[in-house]
Protein backbone atom coordinates (compact mmCIF):
# COMPACT_ATOMS: atom_id res chain seq x y z
CA UNK A 1 25.89 -18.38 52.18
CA UNK A 2 28.60 -20.82 51.43
CA UNK A 3 30.37 -21.29 48.18
CA UNK A 4 28.79 -24.69 47.68
CA UNK A 5 25.16 -23.49 47.84
CA UNK A 6 25.42 -20.44 45.56
CA UNK A 7 25.02 -21.18 41.85
CA UNK A 8 28.08 -20.48 39.87
CA UNK A 9 28.08 -17.67 37.32
CA UNK A 10 28.90 -20.00 34.48
CA UNK A 11 25.87 -22.20 35.23
CA UNK A 12 23.53 -19.16 35.28
CA UNK A 13 24.76 -17.98 31.91
CA UNK A 14 24.17 -21.37 30.31
CA UNK A 15 20.51 -21.46 31.41
CA UNK A 16 19.86 -17.93 30.20
CA UNK A 17 19.82 -17.54 26.50
CA UNK A 18 18.01 -16.68 23.33
CA UNK A 19 16.64 -18.68 20.49
CA UNK A 20 18.81 -20.81 18.28
CA UNK A 21 19.00 -20.33 14.56
CA UNK A 22 17.12 -23.59 13.99
CA UNK A 23 14.24 -22.46 16.21
CA UNK A 24 14.00 -19.16 14.34
CA UNK A 25 14.02 -20.93 10.97
CA UNK A 26 11.23 -23.27 12.10
CA UNK A 27 9.08 -20.32 13.21
CA UNK A 28 9.72 -18.42 9.97
CA UNK A 29 8.84 -21.53 7.94
CA UNK A 30 5.58 -21.99 9.84
CA UNK A 31 4.65 -18.34 9.32
CA UNK A 32 5.46 -18.68 5.61
CA UNK A 33 3.20 -21.72 5.29
CA UNK A 34 0.34 -19.94 7.01
CA UNK A 35 0.70 -16.93 4.70
CA UNK A 36 0.84 -19.21 1.64
CA UNK A 37 -2.36 -20.97 2.67
CA UNK A 38 -4.35 -17.96 3.87
CA UNK A 39 -3.09 -15.28 1.43
CA UNK A 40 -4.98 -16.39 -1.70
CA UNK A 41 -8.21 -16.74 0.25
CA UNK A 42 -7.87 -13.21 1.64
CA UNK A 43 -7.15 -11.83 -1.85
CA UNK A 44 -10.26 -13.62 -3.12
CA UNK A 45 -12.35 -11.89 -0.46
CA UNK A 46 -10.85 -8.56 -1.49
CA UNK A 47 -11.85 -9.12 -5.13
CA UNK A 48 -15.36 -10.18 -4.10
CA UNK A 49 -15.76 -7.09 -1.94
CA UNK A 50 -14.87 -4.82 -4.87
CA UNK A 51 -17.57 -6.47 -7.00
CA UNK A 52 -20.10 -5.99 -4.18
CA UNK A 53 -19.02 -2.36 -3.81
CA UNK A 54 -19.58 -1.73 -7.53
CA UNK A 55 -23.06 -3.29 -7.34
CA UNK A 56 -23.96 -1.11 -4.35
CA UNK A 57 -22.68 2.03 -6.11
CA UNK A 58 -24.71 1.19 -9.23
CA UNK A 59 -27.83 0.75 -7.07
CA UNK A 60 -27.12 4.13 -5.50
CA UNK A 61 -26.79 5.72 -8.96
CA UNK A 62 -30.10 4.12 -9.99
CA UNK A 63 -31.87 5.58 -6.96
CA UNK A 64 -30.34 9.01 -7.58
CA UNK A 65 -31.34 8.83 -11.25
CA UNK A 66 -34.93 8.04 -10.22
CA UNK A 67 -34.94 11.14 -7.99
CA UNK A 68 -33.56 13.19 -10.90
CA UNK A 69 -36.36 11.79 -13.07
CA UNK A 70 -39.01 12.80 -10.52
CA UNK A 71 -37.68 16.36 -10.47
CA UNK A 72 -36.78 16.89 -14.12
CA UNK A 73 -39.30 14.59 -15.83
CA UNK A 74 -36.53 12.75 -17.66
CA UNK A 75 -33.27 10.91 -17.06
CA UNK A 76 -29.99 12.67 -17.87
CA UNK A 77 -28.85 12.19 -21.45
CA UNK A 78 -25.71 10.24 -22.26
CA UNK A 79 -23.90 13.53 -22.94
CA UNK A 80 -24.93 14.92 -19.53
CA UNK A 81 -23.92 11.65 -17.90
CA UNK A 82 -23.83 10.92 -14.21
CA UNK A 83 -22.44 14.43 -13.61
CA UNK A 84 -26.05 15.66 -13.92
CA UNK A 85 -26.57 14.10 -10.49
CA UNK A 86 -24.09 16.51 -8.87
CA UNK A 87 -24.18 19.57 -11.17
CA UNK A 88 -27.34 21.10 -12.60
CA UNK A 89 -27.56 20.64 -16.36
CA UNK A 90 -28.25 23.91 -18.19
CA UNK A 91 -31.54 22.81 -19.74
CA UNK A 92 -33.25 21.51 -16.56
CA UNK A 93 -35.69 23.88 -14.86
CA UNK A 94 -36.36 21.80 -11.72
CA UNK A 95 -33.28 20.32 -10.07
CA UNK A 96 -33.10 19.56 -6.36
CA UNK A 97 -29.62 18.09 -6.33
CA UNK A 98 -26.99 17.19 -5.74
CA UNK A 99 -28.42 13.69 -5.69
CA UNK A 100 -25.16 12.03 -4.63
CA UNK A 101 -23.44 12.57 -1.29
CA UNK A 102 -20.13 14.36 -1.45
CA UNK A 103 -20.98 16.31 -4.59
CA UNK A 104 -18.84 14.09 -6.82
CA UNK A 105 -19.49 11.03 -8.96
CA UNK A 106 -17.39 8.20 -7.55
CA UNK A 107 -15.31 5.98 -9.78
CA UNK A 108 -15.65 2.20 -9.65
CA UNK A 109 -13.56 0.20 -7.15
CA UNK A 110 -10.84 -0.28 -9.79
CA UNK A 111 -10.45 3.47 -10.32
CA UNK A 112 -12.28 3.76 -13.65
CA UNK A 113 -15.33 5.87 -14.50
CA UNK A 114 -18.70 4.17 -14.78
CA UNK A 115 -20.23 4.04 -18.25
CA UNK A 116 -23.67 5.68 -18.45
CA UNK A 117 -25.99 5.42 -21.45
CA UNK A 118 -29.47 6.93 -21.79
CA UNK A 119 -31.58 5.66 -23.31
CA UNK A 120 -30.11 2.30 -22.45
CA UNK A 121 -30.30 -0.97 -24.31
CA UNK A 122 -31.79 -2.69 -21.25
CA UNK A 123 -34.00 0.05 -19.82
CA UNK A 124 -34.27 3.82 -19.62
CA UNK A 125 -30.58 3.93 -18.72
CA UNK A 126 -27.61 1.57 -18.48
CA UNK A 127 -24.78 1.88 -15.96
CA UNK A 128 -21.72 -0.34 -16.44
CA UNK A 129 -18.46 -1.01 -14.64
CA UNK A 130 -16.03 -2.99 -16.77
CA UNK A 131 -14.69 -4.91 -13.76
CA UNK A 132 -11.11 -5.49 -12.74
CA UNK A 133 -9.77 -5.94 -16.28
CA UNK A 134 -11.30 -2.69 -17.61
CA UNK A 135 -12.55 -4.45 -20.77
CA UNK A 136 -15.99 -5.57 -21.90
CA UNK A 137 -16.93 -9.11 -20.99
CA UNK A 138 -14.80 -11.19 -18.70
CA UNK A 139 -15.48 -13.77 -16.03
CA UNK A 140 -15.27 -13.83 -12.25
CA UNK A 141 -13.99 -10.56 -10.78
CA UNK A 142 -13.14 -9.36 -14.29
CA UNK A 143 -16.80 -9.60 -15.40
CA UNK A 144 -18.80 -6.47 -16.16
CA UNK A 145 -21.11 -5.20 -13.42
CA UNK A 146 -24.29 -3.70 -14.83
CA UNK A 147 -27.45 -1.95 -13.72
CA UNK A 148 -29.73 -4.45 -15.47
CA UNK A 149 -28.28 -7.72 -14.09
CA UNK A 150 -29.48 -7.74 -10.50
């Protein structure tokens, strides 16, 4: 090989290289725009999924309460609460529980206990989750989720 045909070391180093600061800034800006556009939509789906989870849990409680009723001849009182589905109340002679998997009463998707009333204002029992705001009423994801509004 002659000196004229071999590429010089300085030429090889110039063709090798990394990214420039401008290229990195452009990529970071594009990623930031994508996150800004997609982020709120993803958070909206997360809020909707929590509402759906609460509705499914309330339906599960309703089914378990119906099984309790078939065994005991009554629904648990407000003082016994949903715990009667996992622990036998003292004054029930026939109890084939626990009626909920896991042996515990789950909290709502926002980490708060469900409200149980028997007799209920809208049926033999009412089950309520106060939604994301933890207060009665509300709209959207902060609205109450109830056993009677299906």
